[in-house]
Amino acid sequence: MGNDGGSIPDRRDLVKSKKKAEQADKANQTRAVWFFCALSKRPLQEPIVSCALGKLYNKDAIIEHLLDKTAYGDAAKICGHIRSLKDIKVLKLTQISPPPPPDSSADVAKFVCPLTFKEMNGGQPFVYIFTCGCVFSQSGLRTILGASPSNGNTATDEQLEVCPQCATKFSRSSDIFMINPPLEEEERMYAAMELRRSLEPVKKSKKRKAGADAVADEDGTKKKASPEGHSPSPAPGSNPKISAASRSLAQSLAVEEAKRKAGMSDAVKSLYRDKNDAPRKETFMTMGTFTRYA
């Protein structure tokens, strides 16, 4: 090989090896999920909210997404599981002391765990309690809950714990959510979210109620449009016993009213007049007063 002027090919020139797959920088990935909104990609600013999958968002970005689904192109993939503001929780974060200067870079930790004072920068797993929104490091909350005594003997009482920051009761098994969990934990949290939603009671749709009102209005219009000679057909669900009882009640009331009028004296009858009576001249005592009809 060679004989072309002294060039000697090397093995790497003759054998082409398979290129290694490009790997994303883990440091940049951690910085992106812990310091930037998952939806708008802007730096996190309070109020900060989280969903059932543990992702962090700016609340204004979520509100903008709920008002306009096309505001962000990849919103369906990132937060398609968020149906309303009830599906997110505002986080109660503890500011680092002293707070970083306003002109500091976006990848500087601004929050810490109130129990262990570990920085919330992705180096330690953090969790939040859904009932109150308080945020702790996973190791700090686990230490507190492991040392807390049991409230009772039943399984329900054993799961009820008290938040170490605001004293709100929560369930250890269902109310603790990991922030920015790994892929396997995120899949488990998604399955748990779907299970909770399947157990929710079905709400009646407003469209169905509006449709029923429209049908009722249409039936009323048909009854008004029927000719005078033909009486409208009775409702299919009407009870003849109830109709007979109402007619008898109306007749009895009419009889009692007639007896009451018959027992009136002439002086009392003079205070009342029929609608068809001719108007009479008002006297000084009755001038400008309200005249009732019998």
C-alpha atoms as a PDB file:
ATOM      1  CA  MET A   1       0.000   0.000   0.000  1.00  0.00           C
ATOM      2  CA  GLY A   2       1.155   3.494  -0.509  1.00  0.00           C
ATOM      3  CA  ASN A   3       3.724   4.095  -3.248  1.00  0.00           C
ATOM      4  CA  ASP A   4       2.050   7.427  -3.938  1.00  0.00           C
ATOM      5  CA  GLY A   5       4.691   9.750  -2.635  1.00  0.00           C
ATOM      6  CA  GLY A   6       5.325   8.481   0.891  1.00  0.00           C
ATOM      7  CA  SER A   7       1.839   8.639   2.451  1.00  0.00           C
ATOM      8  CA  ILE A   8       1.177   5.713   4.751  1.00  0.00           C
ATOM      9  CA  PRO A   9      -2.532   5.157   5.608  1.00  0.00           C
ATOM     10  CA  ASP A  10      -3.401   4.434   9.188  1.00  0.00           C
ATOM     11  CA  ARG A  11      -6.066   2.040  10.502  1.00  0.00           C
ATOM     12  CA  ARG A  12      -8.418   4.870  11.401  1.00  0.00           C
ATOM     13  CA  ASP A  13      -8.231   6.011   7.769  1.00  0.00           C
ATOM     14  CA  LEU A  14      -9.178   2.608   6.421  1.00  0.00           C
ATOM     15  CA  VAL A  15     -11.646   1.354   9.044  1.00  0.00           C
ATOM     16  CA  LYS A  16     -14.617   3.551   9.910  1.00  0.00           C
ATOM     17  CA  SER A  17     -15.887   2.806  13.388  1.00  0.00           C
ATOM     18  CA  LYS A  18     -19.487   3.485  14.488  1.00  0.00           C
ATOM     19  CA  LYS A  19     -19.986   6.898  15.998  1.00  0.00           C
ATOM     20  CA  LYS A  20     -20.934   7.015  19.634  1.00  0.00           C
ATOM     21  CA  ALA A  21     -24.394   8.234  20.427  1.00  0.00           C
ATOM     22  CA  GLU A  22     -24.492  11.806  21.589  1.00  0.00           C
ATOM     23  CA  GLN A  23     -25.351  12.104  25.264  1.00  0.00           C
ATOM     24  CA  ALA A  24     -27.032  15.117  26.730  1.00  0.00           C
ATOM     25  CA  ASP A  25     -25.184  17.018  29.372  1.00  0.00           C
ATOM     26  CA  LYS A  26     -26.654  15.974  32.719  1.00  0.00           C
ATOM     27  CA  ALA A  27     -25.620  19.221  34.351  1.00  0.00           C
ATOM     28  CA  ASN A  28     -27.584  21.236  31.790  1.00  0.00           C
ATOM     29  CA  GLN A  29     -30.589  18.931  32.148  1.00  0.00           C
ATOM     30  CA  THR A  30     -30.578  19.337  35.922  1.00  0.00           C
ATOM     31  CA  ARG A  31     -30.231  23.084  35.608  1.00  0.00           C
ATOM     32  CA  ALA A  32     -33.136  23.237  33.141  1.00  0.00           C
ATOM     33  CA  VAL A  33     -35.647  21.358  35.326  1.00  0.00           C
ATOM     34  CA  TRP A  34     -34.730  22.954  38.670  1.00  0.00           C
ATOM     35  CA  PHE A  35     -34.231  26.598  37.706  1.00  0.00           C
ATOM     36  CA  PHE A  36     -36.539  27.109  34.714  1.00  0.00           C
ATOM     37  CA  CYS A  37     -40.279  26.715  34.117  1.00  0.00           C
ATOM     38  CA  ALA A  38     -41.060  23.443  32.373  1.00  0.00           C
ATOM     39  CA  LEU A  39     -43.638  25.139  30.129  1.00  0.00           C
ATOM     40  CA  SER A  40     -42.387  28.646  29.310  1.00  0.00           C
ATOM     41  CA  LYS A  41     -38.657  27.873  29.735  1.00  0.00           C
ATOM     42  CA  ARG A  42     -38.300  31.141  31.653  1.00  0.00           C
ATOM     43  CA  PRO A  43     -36.531  31.340  35.051  1.00  0.00           C
ATOM     44  CA  LEU A  44     -38.708  30.227  37.949  1.00  0.00           C
ATOM     45  CA  GLN A  45     -40.308  33.092  39.848  1.00  0.00           C
ATOM     46  CA  GLU A  46     -42.807  32.942  42.671  1.00  0.00           C
ATOM     47  CA  PRO A  47     -45.590  31.961  42.704  1.00  0.00           C
ATOM     48  CA  ILE A  48     -44.217  28.580  41.659  1.00  0.00           C
ATOM     49  CA  VAL A  49     -46.607  25.653  41.215  1.00  0.00           C
ATOM     50  CA  SER A  50     -46.218  21.925  40.696  1.00  0.00           C
ATOM     51  CA  CYS A  51     -48.447  19.232  39.211  1.00  0.00           C
ATOM     52  CA  ALA A  52     -49.110  15.608  40.095  1.00  0.00           C
ATOM     53  CA  LEU A  53     -45.967  14.604  38.136  1.00  0.00           C
ATOM     54  CA  GLY A  54     -43.681  16.886  40.172  1.00  0.00           C
ATOM     55  CA  LYS A  55     -42.795  19.352  37.398  1.00  0.00           C
ATOM     56  CA  LEU A  56     -42.156  22.988  38.288  1.00  0.00           C
ATOM     57  CA  TYR A  57     -43.983  25.833  36.532  1.00  0.00           C
ATOM     58  CA  ASN A  58     -44.523  29.545  36.830  1.00  0.00           C
ATOM     59  CA  LYS A  59     -48.155  30.066  37.745  1.00  0.00           C
ATOM     60  CA  ASP A  60     -48.659  32.796  35.156  1.00  0.00           C
ATOM     61  CA  ALA A  61     -47.506  30.391  32.422  1.00  0.00           C
ATOM     62  CA  ILE A  62     -50.066  27.774  33.497  1.00  0.00           C
ATOM     63  CA  ILE A  63     -52.852  30.372  33.551  1.00  0.00           C
ATOM     64  CA  GLU A  64     -51.825  31.546  30.077  1.00  0.00           C
ATOM     65  CA  HIS A  65     -51.885  27.945  28.851  1.00  0.00           C
ATOM     66  CA  LEU A  66     -55.357  27.292  30.304  1.00  0.00           C
ATOM     67  CA  LEU A  67     -56.709  30.443  28.635  1.00  0.00           C
ATOM     68  CA  ASP A  68     -55.055  29.728  25.294  1.00  0.00           C
ATOM     69  CA  LYS A  69     -54.041  26.148  24.493  1.00  0.00           C
ATOM     70  CA  THR A  70     -51.963  27.335  21.526  1.00  0.00           C
ATOM     71  CA  ALA A  71     -49.811  29.754  23.530  1.00  0.00           C
ATOM     72  CA  TYR A  72     -47.031  27.144  23.782  1.00  0.00           C
ATOM     73  CA  GLY A  73     -46.374  24.678  20.989  1.00  0.00           C
ATOM     74  CA  ASP A  74     -45.336  21.695  23.119  1.00  0.00           C
ATOM     75  CA  ALA A  75     -47.850  22.288  25.930  1.00  0.00           C
ATOM     76  CA  ALA A  76     -49.828  19.121  25.190  1.00  0.00           C
ATOM     77  CA  LYS A  77     -46.716  17.006  25.697  1.00  0.00           C
ATOM     78  CA  ILE A  78     -45.468  18.838  28.791  1.00  0.00           C
ATOM     79  CA  CYS A  79     -48.628  19.638  30.752  1.00  0.00           C
ATOM     80  CA  GLY A  80     -51.480  18.047  28.841  1.00  0.00           C
ATOM     81  CA  HIS A  81     -52.593  16.357  32.053  1.00  0.00           C
ATOM     82  CA  ILE A  82     -53.376  19.728  33.693  1.00  0.00           C
ATOM     83  CA  ARG A  83     -57.092  20.381  33.177  1.00  0.00           C
ATOM     84  CA  SER A  84     -57.610  23.334  35.533  1.00  0.00           C
ATOM     85  CA  LEU A  85     -56.014  25.155  38.450  1.00  0.00           C
ATOM     86  CA  LYS A  86     -57.266  22.364  40.725  1.00  0.00           C
ATOM     87  CA  ASP A  87     -54.635  20.051  39.209  1.00  0.00           C
ATOM     88  CA  ILE A  88     -51.718  22.192  40.436  1.00  0.00           C
ATOM     89  CA  LYS A  89     -50.501  23.267  43.872  1.00  0.00           C
ATOM     90  CA  VAL A  90     -48.804  26.525  44.833  1.00  0.00           C
ATOM     91  CA  LEU A  91     -45.553  25.637  46.601  1.00  0.00           C
ATOM     92  CA  LYS A  92     -44.510  27.192  49.912  1.00  0.00           C
ATOM     93  CA  LEU A  93     -40.774  27.578  49.402  1.00  0.00           C
ATOM     94  CA  THR A  94     -38.206  28.655  51.979  1.00  0.00           C
ATOM     95  CA  GLN A  95     -35.899  31.409  50.755  1.00  0.00           C
ATOM     96  CA  ILE A  96     -32.167  30.948  51.192  1.00  0.00           C
ATOM     97  CA  SER A  97     -30.564  33.241  53.749  1.00  0.00           C
ATOM     98  CA  PRO A  98     -29.102  35.649  52.774  1.00  0.00           C
ATOM     99  CA  PRO A  99     -31.048  35.815  49.479  1.00  0.00           C
ATOM    100  CA  PRO A 100     -28.969  36.006  46.296  1.00  0.00           C
ATOM    101  CA  PRO A 101     -28.639  39.433  44.641  1.00  0.00           C
ATOM    102  CA  PRO A 102     -31.191  40.256  41.947  1.00  0.00           C
ATOM    103  CA  ASP A 103     -28.524  40.378  39.219  1.00  0.00           C
ATOM    104  CA  SER A 104     -27.243  36.868  40.015  1.00  0.00           C
ATOM    105  CA  SER A 105     -27.366  34.141  37.380  1.00  0.00           C
ATOM    106  CA  ALA A 106     -30.488  32.013  37.022  1.00  0.00           C
ATOM    107  CA  ASP A 107     -28.726  28.789  38.076  1.00  0.00           C
ATOM    108  CA  VAL A 108     -28.073  29.967  41.637  1.00  0.00           C
ATOM    109  CA  ALA A 109     -30.187  28.176  44.246  1.00  0.00           C
ATOM    110  CA  LYS A 110     -32.803  30.470  45.778  1.00  0.00           C
ATOM    111  CA  PHE A 111     -34.600  28.002  48.054  1.00  0.00           C
ATOM    112  CA  VAL A 112     -33.576  25.551  50.770  1.00  0.00           C
ATOM    113  CA  CYS A 113     -35.157  22.857  52.888  1.00  0.00           C
ATOM    114  CA  PRO A 114     -36.449  24.360  56.175  1.00  0.00           C
ATOM    115  CA  LEU A 115     -35.408  21.194  58.053  1.00  0.00           C
ATOM    116  CA  THR A 116     -31.908  20.441  56.763  1.00  0.00           C
ATOM    117  CA  PHE A 117     -31.122  23.758  54.984  1.00  0.00           C
ATOM    118  CA  LYS A 118     -29.984  21.849  51.900  1.00  0.00           C
ATOM    119  CA  GLU A 119     -30.130  23.872  48.715  1.00  0.00           C
ATOM    120  CA  MET A 120     -32.848  23.076  46.190  1.00  0.00           C
ATOM    121  CA  ASN A 121     -30.579  22.736  43.174  1.00  0.00           C
ATOM    122  CA  GLY A 122     -31.074  19.136  42.031  1.00  0.00           C
ATOM    123  CA  GLY A 123     -28.286  17.672  44.134  1.00  0.00           C
ATOM    124  CA  GLN A 124     -30.775  16.324  46.681  1.00  0.00           C
ATOM    125  CA  PRO A 125     -34.267  14.913  46.018  1.00  0.00           C
ATOM    126  CA  PHE A 126     -37.040  17.216  47.197  1.00  0.00           C
ATOM    127  CA  VAL A 127     -40.722  16.523  47.843  1.00  0.00           C
ATOM    128  CA  TYR A 128     -43.818  18.606  48.529  1.00  0.00           C
ATOM    129  CA  ILE A 129     -47.021  17.912  50.454  1.00  0.00           C
ATOM    130  CA  PHE A 130     -50.100  18.332  48.275  1.00  0.00           C
ATOM    131  CA  THR A 131     -52.484  19.315  51.079  1.00  0.00           C
ATOM    132  CA  CYS A 132     -50.477  22.407  52.095  1.00  0.00           C
ATOM    133  CA  GLY A 133     -47.749  22.867  49.454  1.00  0.00           C
ATOM    134  CA  CYS A 134     -44.788  22.880  51.851  1.00  0.00           C
ATOM    135  CA  VAL A 135     -41.492  21.766  50.284  1.00  0.00           C
ATOM    136  CA  PHE A 136     -38.832  19.689  52.087  1.00  0.00           C
ATOM    137  CA  SER A 137     -35.850  17.595  51.202  1.00  0.00           C
ATOM    138  CA  GLN A 138     -36.763  13.934  51.016  1.00  0.00           C
ATOM    139  CA  SER A 139     -34.193  12.915  53.630  1.00  0.00           C
ATOM    140  CA  GLY A 140     -35.275  15.634  56.082  1.00  0.00           C
ATOM    141  CA  LEU A 141     -38.983  14.807  55.841  1.00  0.00           C
ATOM    142  CA  ARG A 142     -38.273  11.092  56.095  1.00  0.00           C
ATOM    143  CA  THR A 143     -36.296  11.676  59.278  1.00  0.00           C
ATOM    144  CA  ILE A 144     -39.120  13.692  60.852  1.00  0.00           C
ATOM    145  CA  LEU A 145     -41.854  11.251  59.866  1.00  0.00           C
ATOM    146  CA  GLY A 146     -39.831   8.262  61.032  1.00  0.00           C
ATOM    147  CA  ALA A 147     -39.387   9.812  64.493  1.00  0.00           C
ATOM    148  CA  SER A 148     -43.036  10.898  64.845  1.00  0.00           C
ATOM    149  CA  PRO A 149     -45.208   8.592  66.965  1.00  0.00           C
ATOM    150  CA  SER A 150     -48.245   6.844  65.558  1.00  0.00           C
ATOM    151  CA  ASN A 151     -51.616   8.501  66.133  1.00  0.00           C
ATOM    152  CA  GLY A 152     -53.551   5.283  66.608  1.00  0.00           C
ATOM    153  CA  ASN A 153     -53.851   1.593  65.892  1.00  0.00           C
ATOM    154  CA  THR A 154     -55.853   1.620  62.677  1.00  0.00           C
ATOM    155  CA  ALA A 155     -54.243   1.866  59.267  1.00  0.00           C
ATOM    156  CA  THR A 156     -56.007   5.140  58.479  1.00  0.00           C
ATOM    157  CA  ASP A 157     -54.724   6.817  61.638  1.00  0.00           C
ATOM    158  CA  GLU A 158     -51.182   5.576  61.032  1.00  0.00           C
ATOM    159  CA  GLN A 159     -51.079   7.209  57.594  1.00  0.00           C
ATOM    160  CA  LEU A 160     -52.172  10.610  58.881  1.00  0.00           C
ATOM    161  CA  GLU A 161     -49.170  12.778  59.639  1.00  0.00           C
ATOM    162  CA  VAL A 162     -48.697  16.442  60.555  1.00  0.00           C
ATOM    163  CA  CYS A 163     -46.680  18.821  58.412  1.00  0.00           C
ATOM    164  CA  PRO A 164     -43.609  19.937  60.411  1.00  0.00           C
ATOM    165  CA  GLN A 165     -43.898  23.477  59.037  1.00  0.00           C
ATOM    166  CA  CYS A 166     -47.624  24.367  59.082  1.00  0.00           C
ATOM    167  CA  ALA A 167     -49.160  21.481  61.112  1.00  0.00           C
ATOM    168  CA  THR A 168     -51.529  20.460  58.287  1.00  0.00           C
ATOM    169  CA  LYS A 169     -52.584  16.820  58.310  1.00  0.00           C
ATOM    170  CA  PHE A 170     -51.718  14.702  55.294  1.00  0.00           C
ATOM    171  CA  SER A 171     -51.462  11.085  54.206  1.00  0.00           C
ATOM    172  CA  ARG A 172     -47.951   9.726  53.918  1.00  0.00           C
ATOM    173  CA  SER A 173     -48.969   7.293  51.166  1.00  0.00           C
ATOM    174  CA  SER A 174     -50.935   9.611  48.843  1.00  0.00           C
ATOM    175  CA  ASP A 175     -50.118  13.271  49.618  1.00  0.00           C
ATOM    176  CA  ILE A 176     -46.301  13.324  49.206  1.00  0.00           C
ATOM    177  CA  PHE A 177     -45.073  14.074  45.660  1.00  0.00           C
ATOM    178  CA  MET A 178     -41.460  14.048  44.505  1.00  0.00           C
ATOM    179  CA  ILE A 179     -40.244  17.115  42.620  1.00  0.00           C
ATOM    180  CA  ASN A 180     -38.628  16.386  39.232  1.00  0.00           C
ATOM    181  CA  PRO A 181     -38.623  12.602  39.764  1.00  0.00           C
ATOM    182  CA  PRO A 182     -36.660  10.140  37.592  1.00  0.00           C
ATOM    183  CA  LEU A 183     -38.420   8.506  34.654  1.00  0.00           C
ATOM    184  CA  GLU A 184     -39.482   5.351  36.529  1.00  0.00           C
ATOM    185  CA  GLU A 185     -40.933   7.344  39.424  1.00  0.00           C
ATOM    186  CA  GLU A 186     -42.692   9.711  37.005  1.00  0.00           C
ATOM    187  CA  GLU A 187     -44.412   6.759  35.317  1.00  0.00           C
ATOM    188  CA  ARG A 188     -45.578   5.485  38.707  1.00  0.00           C
ATOM    189  CA  MET A 189     -46.884   8.942  39.636  1.00  0.00           C
ATOM    190  CA  TYR A 190     -48.744   9.176  36.313  1.00  0.00           C
ATOM    191  CA  ALA A 191     -50.440   5.823  36.936  1.00  0.00           C
ATOM    192  CA  ALA A 192     -51.445   6.948  40.437  1.00  0.00           C
ATOM    193  CA  MET A 193     -52.872  10.187  38.989  1.00  0.00           C
ATOM    194  CA  GLU A 194     -54.971   8.252  36.462  1.00  0.00           C
ATOM    195  CA  LEU A 195     -56.240   5.981  39.250  1.00  0.00           C
ATOM    196  CA  ARG A 196     -57.313   8.959  41.383  1.00  0.00           C
ATOM    197  CA  ARG A 197     -59.122  10.534  38.442  1.00  0.00           C
ATOM    198  CA  SER A 198     -60.959   7.315  37.655  1.00  0.00           C
ATOM    199  CA  LEU A 199     -62.314   7.261  41.218  1.00  0.00           C
ATOM    200  CA  GLU A 200     -63.658  10.820  41.024  1.00  0.00           C
ATOM    201  CA  PRO A 201     -67.462  11.141  40.778  1.00  0.00           C
ATOM    202  CA  VAL A 202     -68.770  11.921  37.316  1.00  0.00           C
ATOM    203  CA  LYS A 203     -70.005  15.506  37.039  1.00  0.00           C
ATOM    204  CA  LYS A 204     -73.157  16.329  35.094  1.00  0.00           C
ATOM    205  CA  SER A 205     -72.430  18.249  31.944  1.00  0.00           C
ATOM    206  CA  LYS A 206     -73.887  21.724  31.543  1.00  0.00           C
ATOM    207  CA  LYS A 207     -74.507  21.006  27.868  1.00  0.00           C
ATOM    208  CA  ARG A 208     -76.804  18.128  28.790  1.00  0.00           C
ATOM    209  CA  LYS A 209     -78.774  20.387  31.123  1.00  0.00           C
ATOM    210  CA  ALA A 210     -79.047  23.071  28.448  1.00  0.00           C
ATOM    211  CA  GLY A 211     -80.294  20.452  25.985  1.00  0.00           C
ATOM    212  CA  ALA A 212     -83.008  19.364  28.415  1.00  0.00           C
ATOM    213  CA  ASP A 213     -84.115  22.990  28.838  1.00  0.00           C
ATOM    214  CA  ALA A 214     -84.297  23.410  25.077  1.00  0.00           C
ATOM    215  CA  VAL A 215     -86.487  20.319  24.761  1.00  0.00           C
ATOM    216  CA  ALA A 216     -88.779  21.642  27.483  1.00  0.00           C
ATOM    217  CA  ASP A 217     -89.075  25.017  25.719  1.00  0.00           C
ATOM    218  CA  GLU A 218     -89.893  23.265  22.456  1.00  0.00           C
ATOM    219  CA  ASP A 219     -92.646  21.258  24.121  1.00  0.00           C
ATOM    220  CA  GLY A 220     -94.100  24.441  25.607  1.00  0.00           C
ATOM    221  CA  THR A 221     -94.103  26.120  22.198  1.00  0.00           C
ATOM    222  CA  LYS A 222     -95.944  23.191  20.645  1.00  0.00           C
ATOM    223  CA  LYS A 223     -98.623  23.343  23.340  1.00  0.00           C
ATOM    224  CA  LYS A 224     -99.165  27.093  22.747  1.00  0.00           C
ATOM    225  CA  ALA A 225     -99.402  26.546  18.988  1.00  0.00           C
ATOM    226  CA  SER A 226    -102.185  23.920  19.286  1.00  0.00           C
ATOM    227  CA  PRO A 227    -105.644  25.022  17.967  1.00  0.00           C
ATOM    228  CA  GLU A 228    -108.257  26.277  20.412  1.00  0.00           C
ATOM    229  CA  GLY A 229    -110.708  23.507  19.573  1.00  0.00           C
ATOM    230  CA  HIS A 230    -108.323  20.749  20.513  1.00  0.00           C
ATOM    231  CA  SER A 231    -107.067  20.379  24.023  1.00  0.00           C
ATOM    232  CA  PRO A 232    -103.369  19.538  24.392  1.00  0.00           C
ATOM    233  CA  SER A 233    -102.607  15.904  25.030  1.00  0.00           C
ATOM    234  CA  PRO A 234    -101.843  15.120  28.668  1.00  0.00           C
ATOM    235  CA  ALA A 235     -98.279  14.576  29.740  1.00  0.00           C
ATOM    236  CA  PRO A 236     -97.237  10.918  29.518  1.00  0.00           C
ATOM    237  CA  GLY A 237     -96.075  10.849  33.113  1.00  0.00           C
ATOM    238  CA  SER A 238     -99.114  12.620  34.708  1.00  0.00           C
ATOM    239  CA  ASN A 239    -100.938  10.832  37.532  1.00  0.00           C
ATOM    240  CA  PRO A 240    -104.769  10.876  37.291  1.00  0.00           C
ATOM    241  CA  LYS A 241    -105.112  10.616  41.073  1.00  0.00           C
ATOM    242  CA  ILE A 242    -103.066  13.804  41.568  1.00  0.00           C
ATOM    243  CA  SER A 243    -105.132  15.645  38.929  1.00  0.00           C
ATOM    244  CA  ALA A 244    -108.400  14.638  40.589  1.00  0.00           C
ATOM    245  CA  ALA A 245    -107.118  15.732  44.005  1.00  0.00           C
ATOM    246  CA  SER A 246    -106.082  19.130  42.673  1.00  0.00           C
ATOM    247  CA  ARG A 247    -109.492  19.668  41.043  1.00  0.00           C
ATOM    248  CA  SER A 248    -111.321  18.756  44.245  1.00  0.00           C
ATOM    249  CA  LEU A 249    -109.098  21.117  46.244  1.00  0.00           C
ATOM    250  CA  ALA A 250    -109.822  23.993  43.831  1.00  0.00           C
ATOM    251  CA  GLN A 251    -113.585  23.344  44.094  1.00  0.00           C
ATOM    252  CA  SER A 252    -113.489  23.290  47.894  1.00  0.00           C
ATOM    253  CA  LEU A 253    -111.588  26.584  47.985  1.00  0.00           C
ATOM    254  CA  ALA A 254    -114.148  28.172  45.646  1.00  0.00           C
ATOM    255  CA  VAL A 255    -117.016  26.997  47.888  1.00  0.00           C
ATOM    256  CA  GLU A 256    -115.341  28.419  51.007  1.00  0.00           C
ATOM    257  CA  GLU A 257    -114.762  31.769  49.245  1.00  0.00           C
ATOM    258  CA  ALA A 258    -118.427  31.943  48.253  1.00  0.00           C
ATOM    259  CA  LYS A 259    -119.517  31.231  51.843  1.00  0.00           C
ATOM    260  CA  ARG A 260    -117.191  33.959  53.112  1.00  0.00           C
ATOM    261  CA  LYS A 261    -118.649  36.526  50.759  1.00  0.00           C
ATOM    262  CA  ALA A 262    -122.215  35.470  51.586  1.00  0.00           C
ATOM    263  CA  GLY A 263    -121.607  36.046  55.297  1.00  0.00           C
ATOM    264  CA  MET A 264    -120.363  39.613  54.830  1.00  0.00           C
ATOM    265  CA  SER A 265    -122.482  42.506  56.042  1.00  0.00           C
ATOM    266  CA  ASP A 266    -123.539  45.353  53.767  1.00  0.00           C
ATOM    267  CA  ALA A 267    -120.991  47.665  55.386  1.00  0.00           C
ATOM    268  CA  VAL A 268    -118.143  45.238  54.656  1.00  0.00           C
ATOM    269  CA  LYS A 269    -119.391  44.570  51.131  1.00  0.00           C
ATOM    270  CA  SER A 270    -119.403  48.304  50.454  1.00  0.00           C
ATOM    271  CA  LEU A 271    -115.613  48.327  50.947  1.00  0.00           C
ATOM    272  CA  TYR A 272    -115.162  45.917  48.012  1.00  0.00           C
ATOM    273  CA  ARG A 273    -116.309  46.253  44.441  1.00  0.00           C
ATOM    274  CA  ASP A 274    -116.175  43.981  41.470  1.00  0.00           C
ATOM    275  CA  LYS A 275    -113.835  44.537  38.565  1.00  0.00           C
ATOM    276  CA  ASN A 276    -116.770  45.001  36.196  1.00  0.00           C
ATOM    277  CA  ASP A 277    -118.565  47.578  38.386  1.00  0.00           C
ATOM    278  CA  ALA A 278    -118.804  51.153  37.138  1.00  0.00           C
ATOM    279  CA  PRO A 279    -116.387  53.525  38.852  1.00  0.00           C
ATOM    280  CA  ARG A 280    -118.014  55.362  41.712  1.00  0.00           C
ATOM    281  CA  LYS A 281    -117.375  58.853  42.926  1.00  0.00           C
ATOM    282  CA  GLU A 282    -114.731  59.039  45.606  1.00  0.00           C
ATOM    283  CA  THR A 283    -115.539  60.697  48.908  1.00  0.00           C
ATOM    284  CA  PHE A 284    -113.247  62.603  51.226  1.00  0.00           C
ATOM    285  CA  MET A 285    -112.541  59.447  53.247  1.00  0.00           C
ATOM    286  CA  THR A 286    -111.735  57.247  50.248  1.00  0.00           C
ATOM    287  CA  MET A 287    -110.003  59.795  48.027  1.00  0.00           C
ATOM    288  CA  GLY A 288    -106.555  58.592  46.864  1.00  0.00           C
ATOM    289  CA  THR A 289    -106.754  55.276  48.728  1.00  0.00           C
ATOM    290  CA  PHE A 290    -106.080  51.797  47.314  1.00  0.00           C
ATOM    291  CA  THR A 291    -109.303  50.063  46.345  1.00  0.00           C
ATOM    292  CA  ARG A 292    -109.197  46.276  46.528  1.00  0.00           C
ATOM    293  CA  TYR A 293    -111.209  43.939  44.409  1.00  0.00           C
ATOM    294  CA  ALA A 294    -113.192  41.156  46.010  1.00  0.00           C
END
